[in-house]
Amino acid sequence: ASLAFKLSLDKKRSSPFAKQAVEHGLWF
């Protein structure tokens, strides 16, 4: 949980959510 929280605050990271967004033609 702590790792997920830390990574959720990283604004420059290519997160799993960001990767899925790009795959659906969205920018995140």
PDB file of all heavy atoms in Angstrom:
ATOM      1  N   ALA A   1       0.827  -1.207   0.000  1.00  0.00           N
ATOM      2  CA  ALA A   1       0.000   0.000   0.000  1.00  0.00           C
ATOM      3  C   ALA A   1       0.859   1.255   0.000  1.00  0.00           C
ATOM      4  O   ALA A   1       0.571   2.227  -0.701  1.00  0.00           O
ATOM      5  CB  ALA A   1      -0.938  -0.013   1.211  1.00  0.00           C
ATOM      6  N   SER A   2       1.947   1.234   0.779  1.00  0.00           N
ATOM      7  CA  SER A   2       2.851   2.387   0.824  1.00  0.00           C
ATOM      8  C   SER A   2       3.518   2.620  -0.520  1.00  0.00           C
ATOM      9  O   SER A   2       3.679   3.761  -0.956  1.00  0.00           O
ATOM     10  CB  SER A   2       3.914   2.180   1.912  1.00  0.00           C
ATOM     11  OG  SER A   2       3.320   2.144   3.192  1.00  0.00           O
ATOM     12  N   LEU A   3       3.919   1.525  -1.177  1.00  0.00           N
ATOM     13  CA  LEU A   3       4.524   1.650  -2.505  1.00  0.00           C
ATOM     14  C   LEU A   3       3.523   2.255  -3.492  1.00  0.00           C
ATOM     15  O   LEU A   3       3.871   3.177  -4.250  1.00  0.00           O
ATOM     16  CB  LEU A   3       4.973   0.277  -3.004  1.00  0.00           C
ATOM     17  CG  LEU A   3       5.485   0.238  -4.452  1.00  0.00           C
ATOM     18  CD1 LEU A   3       6.769   1.046  -4.596  1.00  0.00           C
ATOM     19  CD2 LEU A   3       5.698  -1.210  -4.916  1.00  0.00           C
ATOM     20  N   ALA A   4       2.296   1.753  -3.482  1.00  0.00           N
ATOM     21  CA  ALA A   4       1.283   2.282  -4.394  1.00  0.00           C
ATOM     22  C   ALA A   4       1.034   3.761  -4.138  1.00  0.00           C
ATOM     23  O   ALA A   4       0.892   4.548  -5.081  1.00  0.00           O
ATOM     24  CB  ALA A   4      -0.014   1.489  -4.253  1.00  0.00           C
ATOM     25  N   PHE A   5       0.992   4.154  -2.865  1.00  0.00           N
ATOM     26  CA  PHE A   5       0.759   5.560  -2.533  1.00  0.00           C
ATOM     27  C   PHE A   5       1.903   6.430  -3.039  1.00  0.00           C
ATOM     28  O   PHE A   5       1.684   7.480  -3.649  1.00  0.00           O
ATOM     29  CB  PHE A   5       0.596   5.718  -1.024  1.00  0.00           C
ATOM     30  CG  PHE A   5       0.335   7.141  -0.596  1.00  0.00           C
ATOM     31  CD1 PHE A   5      -0.863   7.767  -0.891  1.00  0.00           C
ATOM     32  CD2 PHE A   5       1.300   7.858   0.087  1.00  0.00           C
ATOM     33  CE1 PHE A   5      -1.104   9.087  -0.511  1.00  0.00           C
ATOM     34  CE2 PHE A   5       1.079   9.166   0.474  1.00  0.00           C
ATOM     35  CZ  PHE A   5      -0.125   9.788   0.179  1.00  0.00           C
ATOM     36  N   LYS A   6       3.134   5.974  -2.814  1.00  0.00           N
ATOM     37  CA  LYS A   6       4.300   6.737  -3.266  1.00  0.00           C
ATOM     38  C   LYS A   6       4.287   6.896  -4.786  1.00  0.00           C
ATOM     39  O   LYS A   6       4.497   8.007  -5.306  1.00  0.00           O
ATOM     40  CB  LYS A   6       5.589   6.032  -2.830  1.00  0.00           C
ATOM     41  CG  LYS A   6       6.867   6.788  -3.222  1.00  0.00           C
ATOM     42  CD  LYS A   6       8.111   6.036  -2.808  1.00  0.00           C
ATOM     43  CE  LYS A   6       8.411   4.899  -3.773  1.00  0.00           C
ATOM     44  NZ  LYS A   6       9.731   4.264  -3.517  1.00  0.00           N
ATOM     45  N   LEU A   7       4.008   5.822  -5.489  1.00  0.00           N
ATOM     46  CA  LEU A   7       4.005   5.882  -6.947  1.00  0.00           C
ATOM     47  C   LEU A   7       2.827   6.703  -7.481  1.00  0.00           C
ATOM     48  O   LEU A   7       2.922   7.303  -8.555  1.00  0.00           O
ATOM     49  CB  LEU A   7       3.972   4.472  -7.521  1.00  0.00           C
ATOM     50  CG  LEU A   7       5.216   3.611  -7.243  1.00  0.00           C
ATOM     51  CD1 LEU A   7       5.047   2.213  -7.823  1.00  0.00           C
ATOM     52  CD2 LEU A   7       6.474   4.269  -7.795  1.00  0.00           C
ATOM     53  N   SER A   8       1.719   6.739  -6.734  1.00  0.00           N
ATOM     54  CA  SER A   8       0.561   7.505  -7.192  1.00  0.00           C
ATOM     55  C   SER A   8       0.851   9.002  -7.232  1.00  0.00           C
ATOM     56  O   SER A   8       0.187   9.747  -7.954  1.00  0.00           O
ATOM     57  CB  SER A   8      -0.645   7.240  -6.289  1.00  0.00           C
ATOM     58  OG  SER A   8      -0.516   7.893  -5.027  1.00  0.00           O
ATOM     59  N   LEU A   9       1.832   9.433  -6.456  1.00  0.00           N
ATOM     60  CA  LEU A   9       2.168  10.854  -6.375  1.00  0.00           C
ATOM     61  C   LEU A   9       3.222  11.276  -7.395  1.00  0.00           C
ATOM     62  O   LEU A   9       3.523  12.462  -7.514  1.00  0.00           O
ATOM     63  CB  LEU A   9       2.668  11.193  -4.963  1.00  0.00           C
ATOM     64  CG  LEU A   9       1.695  10.898  -3.819  1.00  0.00           C
ATOM     65  CD1 LEU A   9       2.341  11.215  -2.486  1.00  0.00           C
ATOM     66  CD2 LEU A   9       0.392  11.674  -3.985  1.00  0.00           C
ATOM     67  N   ASP A  10       3.775  10.304  -8.119  1.00  0.00           N
ATOM     68  CA  ASP A  10       4.814  10.587  -9.112  1.00  0.00           C
ATOM     69  C   ASP A  10       4.160  11.095 -10.395  1.00  0.00           C
ATOM     70  O   ASP A  10       3.506  10.345 -11.120  1.00  0.00           O
ATOM     71  CB  ASP A  10       5.624   9.314  -9.387  1.00  0.00           C
ATOM     72  CG  ASP A  10       6.809   9.550 -10.305  1.00  0.00           C
ATOM     73  OD1 ASP A  10       6.825  10.572 -11.016  1.00  0.00           O
ATOM     74  OD2 ASP A  10       7.716   8.700 -10.319  1.00  0.00           O
ATOM     75  N   LYS A  11       4.323  12.360 -10.678  1.00  0.00           N
ATOM     76  CA  LYS A  11       3.640  12.993 -11.816  1.00  0.00           C
ATOM     77  C   LYS A  11       4.298  12.713 -13.167  1.00  0.00           C
ATOM     78  O   LYS A  11       3.726  13.014 -14.213  1.00  0.00           O
ATOM     79  CB  LYS A  11       3.568  14.516 -11.607  1.00  0.00           C
ATOM     80  CG  LYS A  11       2.843  14.930 -10.330  1.00  0.00           C
ATOM     81  CD  LYS A  11       1.427  14.385 -10.284  1.00  0.00           C
ATOM     82  CE  LYS A  11       0.678  14.833  -9.039  1.00  0.00           C
ATOM     83  NZ  LYS A  11      -0.638  14.171  -8.915  1.00  0.00           N
ATOM     84  N   LYS A  12       5.493  12.149 -13.154  1.00  0.00           N
ATOM     85  CA  LYS A  12       6.213  11.914 -14.409  1.00  0.00           C
ATOM     86  C   LYS A  12       6.261  10.436 -14.796  1.00  0.00           C
ATOM     87  O   LYS A  12       6.796  10.080 -15.841  1.00  0.00           O
ATOM     88  CB  LYS A  12       7.662  12.428 -14.285  1.00  0.00           C
ATOM     89  CG  LYS A  12       7.760  13.937 -14.074  1.00  0.00           C
ATOM     90  CD  LYS A  12       7.176  14.692 -15.258  1.00  0.00           C
ATOM     91  CE  LYS A  12       7.337  16.204 -15.095  1.00  0.00           C
ATOM     92  NZ  LYS A  12       6.722  16.931 -16.227  1.00  0.00           N
ATOM     93  N   ARG A  13       5.700   9.605 -13.970  1.00  0.00           N
ATOM     94  CA  ARG A  13       5.821   8.162 -14.149  1.00  0.00           C
ATOM     95  C   ARG A  13       4.847   7.645 -15.211  1.00  0.00           C
ATOM     96  O   ARG A  13       3.728   8.135 -15.355  1.00  0.00           O
ATOM     97  CB  ARG A  13       5.533   7.514 -12.793  1.00  0.00           C
ATOM     98  CG  ARG A  13       5.278   6.039 -12.795  1.00  0.00           C
ATOM     99  CD  ARG A  13       5.034   5.572 -11.365  1.00  0.00           C
ATOM    100  NE  ARG A  13       4.449   4.248 -11.323  1.00  0.00           N
ATOM    101  CZ  ARG A  13       5.141   3.143 -11.507  1.00  0.00           C
ATOM    102  NH1 ARG A  13       6.433   3.201 -11.732  1.00  0.00           N
ATOM    103  NH2 ARG A  13       4.543   1.956 -11.441  1.00  0.00           N
ATOM    104  N   SER A  14       5.302   6.630 -15.938  1.00  0.00           N
ATOM    105  CA  SER A  14       4.396   5.919 -16.838  1.00  0.00           C
ATOM    106  C   SER A  14       3.782   4.778 -16.041  1.00  0.00           C
ATOM    107  O   SER A  14       4.298   3.666 -15.998  1.00  0.00           O
ATOM    108  CB  SER A  14       5.146   5.380 -18.055  1.00  0.00           C
ATOM    109  OG  SER A  14       4.268   4.647 -18.891  1.00  0.00           O
ATOM    110  N   SER A  15       2.678   5.065 -15.382  1.00  0.00           N
ATOM    111  CA  SER A  15       2.024   4.102 -14.500  1.00  0.00           C
ATOM    112  C   SER A  15       1.176   3.117 -15.316  1.00  0.00           C
ATOM    113  O   SER A  15       0.923   3.348 -16.508  1.00  0.00           O
ATOM    114  CB  SER A  15       1.121   4.846 -13.521  1.00  0.00           C
ATOM    115  OG  SER A  15       0.088   5.513 -14.232  1.00  0.00           O
ATOM    116  N   PRO A  16       0.719   2.029 -14.700  1.00  0.00           N
ATOM    117  CA  PRO A  16      -0.205   1.144 -15.418  1.00  0.00           C
ATOM    118  C   PRO A  16      -1.435   1.888 -15.931  1.00  0.00           C
ATOM    119  O   PRO A  16      -1.896   1.641 -17.046  1.00  0.00           O
ATOM    120  CB  PRO A  16      -0.583   0.106 -14.352  1.00  0.00           C
ATOM    121  CG  PRO A  16       0.601   0.051 -13.437  1.00  0.00           C
ATOM    122  CD  PRO A  16       1.107   1.459 -13.381  1.00  0.00           C
ATOM    123  N   PHE A  17      -1.953   2.831 -15.135  1.00  0.00           N
ATOM    124  CA  PHE A  17      -3.119   3.613 -15.559  1.00  0.00           C
ATOM    125  C   PHE A  17      -2.776   4.482 -16.764  1.00  0.00           C
ATOM    126  O   PHE A  17      -3.536   4.557 -17.735  1.00  0.00           O
ATOM    127  CB  PHE A  17      -3.613   4.485 -14.403  1.00  0.00           C
ATOM    128  CG  PHE A  17      -4.869   5.250 -14.711  1.00  0.00           C
ATOM    129  CD1 PHE A  17      -6.110   4.630 -14.649  1.00  0.00           C
ATOM    130  CD2 PHE A  17      -4.812   6.597 -15.067  1.00  0.00           C
ATOM    131  CE1 PHE A  17      -7.281   5.332 -14.935  1.00  0.00           C
ATOM    132  CE2 PHE A  17      -5.980   7.308 -15.355  1.00  0.00           C
ATOM    133  CZ  PHE A  17      -7.211   6.676 -15.284  1.00  0.00           C
ATOM    134  N   ALA A  18      -1.602   5.123 -16.707  1.00  0.00           N
ATOM    135  CA  ALA A  18      -1.173   5.973 -17.828  1.00  0.00           C
ATOM    136  C   ALA A  18      -0.965   5.135 -19.091  1.00  0.00           C
ATOM    137  O   ALA A  18      -1.332   5.550 -20.197  1.00  0.00           O
ATOM    138  CB  ALA A  18       0.111   6.704 -17.459  1.00  0.00           C
ATOM    139  N   LYS A  19      -0.399   3.965 -18.925  1.00  0.00           N
ATOM    140  CA  LYS A  19      -0.164   3.080 -20.073  1.00  0.00           C
ATOM    141  C   LYS A  19      -1.487   2.678 -20.721  1.00  0.00           C
ATOM    142  O   LYS A  19      -1.623   2.679 -21.952  1.00  0.00           O
ATOM    143  CB  LYS A  19       0.606   1.840 -19.619  1.00  0.00           C
ATOM    144  CG  LYS A  19       0.983   0.902 -20.738  1.00  0.00           C
ATOM    145  CD  LYS A  19       1.758  -0.290 -20.218  1.00  0.00           C
ATOM    146  CE  LYS A  19       2.076  -1.262 -21.354  1.00  0.00           C
ATOM    147  NZ  LYS A  19       2.761  -2.484 -20.864  1.00  0.00           N
ATOM    148  N   GLN A  20      -2.476   2.345 -19.887  1.00  0.00           N
ATOM    149  CA  GLN A  20      -3.794   1.988 -20.426  1.00  0.00           C
ATOM    150  C   GLN A  20      -4.442   3.174 -21.134  1.00  0.00           C
ATOM    151  O   GLN A  20      -5.091   3.009 -22.168  1.00  0.00           O
ATOM    152  CB  GLN A  20      -4.707   1.507 -19.294  1.00  0.00           C
ATOM    153  CG  GLN A  20      -4.373   0.137 -18.756  1.00  0.00           C
ATOM    154  CD  GLN A  20      -5.372  -0.301 -17.699  1.00  0.00           C
ATOM    155  OE1 GLN A  20      -6.575  -0.110 -17.834  1.00  0.00           O
ATOM    156  NE2 GLN A  20      -4.858  -0.876 -16.625  1.00  0.00           N
ATOM    157  N   ALA A  21      -4.264   4.369 -20.573  1.00  0.00           N
ATOM    158  CA  ALA A  21      -4.838   5.563 -21.197  1.00  0.00           C
ATOM    159  C   ALA A  21      -4.290   5.749 -22.606  1.00  0.00           C
ATOM    160  O   ALA A  21      -5.038   6.003 -23.556  1.00  0.00           O
ATOM    161  CB  ALA A  21      -4.546   6.791 -20.338  1.00  0.00           C
ATOM    162  N   VAL A  22      -2.974   5.627 -22.741  1.00  0.00           N
ATOM    163  CA  VAL A  22      -2.333   5.776 -24.046  1.00  0.00           C
ATOM    164  C   VAL A  22      -2.850   4.724 -25.023  1.00  0.00           C
ATOM    165  O   VAL A  22      -3.110   5.007 -26.205  1.00  0.00           O
ATOM    166  CB  VAL A  22      -0.803   5.684 -23.906  1.00  0.00           C
ATOM    167  CG1 VAL A  22      -0.138   5.599 -25.271  1.00  0.00           C
ATOM    168  CG2 VAL A  22      -0.275   6.888 -23.129  1.00  0.00           C
ATOM    169  N   GLU A  23      -3.029   3.488 -24.525  1.00  0.00           N
ATOM    170  CA  GLU A  23      -3.530   2.417 -25.380  1.00  0.00           C
ATOM    171  C   GLU A  23      -4.947   2.700 -25.883  1.00  0.00           C
ATOM    172  O   GLU A  23      -5.374   2.155 -26.900  1.00  0.00           O
ATOM    173  CB  GLU A  23      -3.498   1.083 -24.627  1.00  0.00           C
ATOM    174  CG  GLU A  23      -2.078   0.558 -24.394  1.00  0.00           C
ATOM    175  CD  GLU A  23      -2.033  -0.646 -23.478  1.00  0.00           C
ATOM    176  OE1 GLU A  23      -3.106  -1.015 -22.918  1.00  0.00           O
ATOM    177  OE2 GLU A  23      -0.940  -1.208 -23.293  1.00  0.00           O
ATOM    178  N   HIS A  24      -5.672   3.554 -25.144  1.00  0.00           N
ATOM    179  CA  HIS A  24      -7.030   3.925 -25.550  1.00  0.00           C
ATOM    180  C   HIS A  24      -7.072   5.302 -26.224  1.00  0.00           C
ATOM    181  O   HIS A  24      -8.128   5.917 -26.340  1.00  0.00           O
ATOM    182  CB  HIS A  24      -7.966   3.900 -24.335  1.00  0.00           C
ATOM    183  CG  HIS A  24      -8.307   2.524 -23.871  1.00  0.00           C
ATOM    184  ND1 HIS A  24      -7.489   1.794 -23.025  1.00  0.00           N
ATOM    185  CD2 HIS A  24      -9.368   1.730 -24.151  1.00  0.00           C
ATOM    186  CE1 HIS A  24      -8.038   0.628 -22.793  1.00  0.00           C
ATOM    187  NE2 HIS A  24      -9.169   0.549 -23.457  1.00  0.00           N
ATOM    188  N   GLY A  25      -5.890   5.780 -26.638  1.00  0.00           N
ATOM    189  CA  GLY A  25      -5.833   7.031 -27.379  1.00  0.00           C
ATOM    190  C   GLY A  25      -5.966   8.280 -26.544  1.00  0.00           C
ATOM    191  O   GLY A  25      -6.282   9.356 -27.063  1.00  0.00           O
ATOM    192  N   LEU A  26      -5.732   8.159 -25.246  1.00  0.00           N
ATOM    193  CA  LEU A  26      -5.835   9.304 -24.338  1.00  0.00           C
ATOM    194  C   LEU A  26      -4.457   9.651 -23.792  1.00  0.00           C
ATOM    195  O   LEU A  26      -3.572   8.804 -23.715  1.00  0.00           O
ATOM    196  CB  LEU A  26      -6.787   8.979 -23.176  1.00  0.00           C
ATOM    197  CG  LEU A  26      -8.204   8.556 -23.581  1.00  0.00           C
ATOM    198  CD1 LEU A  26      -8.962   8.045 -22.365  1.00  0.00           C
ATOM    199  CD2 LEU A  26      -8.947   9.723 -24.218  1.00  0.00           C
ATOM    200  N   TRP A  27      -4.295  10.906 -23.397  1.00  0.00           N
ATOM    201  CA  TRP A  27      -3.015  11.314 -22.814  1.00  0.00           C
ATOM    202  C   TRP A  27      -3.155  11.395 -21.306  1.00  0.00           C
ATOM    203  O   TRP A  27      -4.066  12.030 -20.773  1.00  0.00           O
ATOM    204  CB  TRP A  27      -2.565  12.667 -23.362  1.00  0.00           C
ATOM    205  CG  TRP A  27      -1.220  13.057 -22.815  1.00  0.00           C
ATOM    206  CD1 TRP A  27      -0.003  12.736 -23.342  1.00  0.00           C
ATOM    207  CD2 TRP A  27      -0.954  13.829 -21.643  1.00  0.00           C
ATOM    208  NE1 TRP A  27       1.008  13.250 -22.565  1.00  0.00           N
ATOM    209  CE2 TRP A  27       0.453  13.918 -21.511  1.00  0.00           C
ATOM    210  CE3 TRP A  27      -1.766  14.432 -20.683  1.00  0.00           C
ATOM    211  CZ2 TRP A  27       1.058  14.603 -20.461  1.00  0.00           C
ATOM    212  CZ3 TRP A  27      -1.161  15.108 -19.623  1.00  0.00           C
ATOM    213  CH2 TRP A  27       0.239  15.190 -19.529  1.00  0.00           C
ATOM    214  N   PHE A  28      -2.274  10.706 -20.617  1.00  0.00           N
ATOM    215  CA  PHE A  28      -2.231  10.778 -19.154  1.00  0.00           C
ATOM    216  C   PHE A  28      -0.803  10.477 -18.744  1.00  0.00           C
ATOM    217  O   PHE A  28      -0.178   9.554 -19.272  1.00  0.00           O
ATOM    218  CB  PHE A  28      -3.188   9.774 -18.515  1.00  0.00           C
ATOM    219  CG  PHE A  28      -3.281   9.900 -17.013  1.00  0.00           C
ATOM    220  CD1 PHE A  28      -4.220  10.733 -16.434  1.00  0.00           C
ATOM    221  CD2 PHE A  28      -2.417   9.197 -16.191  1.00  0.00           C
ATOM    222  CE1 PHE A  28      -4.316  10.855 -15.052  1.00  0.00           C
ATOM    223  CE2 PHE A  28      -2.496   9.317 -14.800  1.00  0.00           C
ATOM    224  CZ  PHE A  28      -3.447  10.149 -14.233  1.00  0.00           C
TER     225      PHE A  28
END
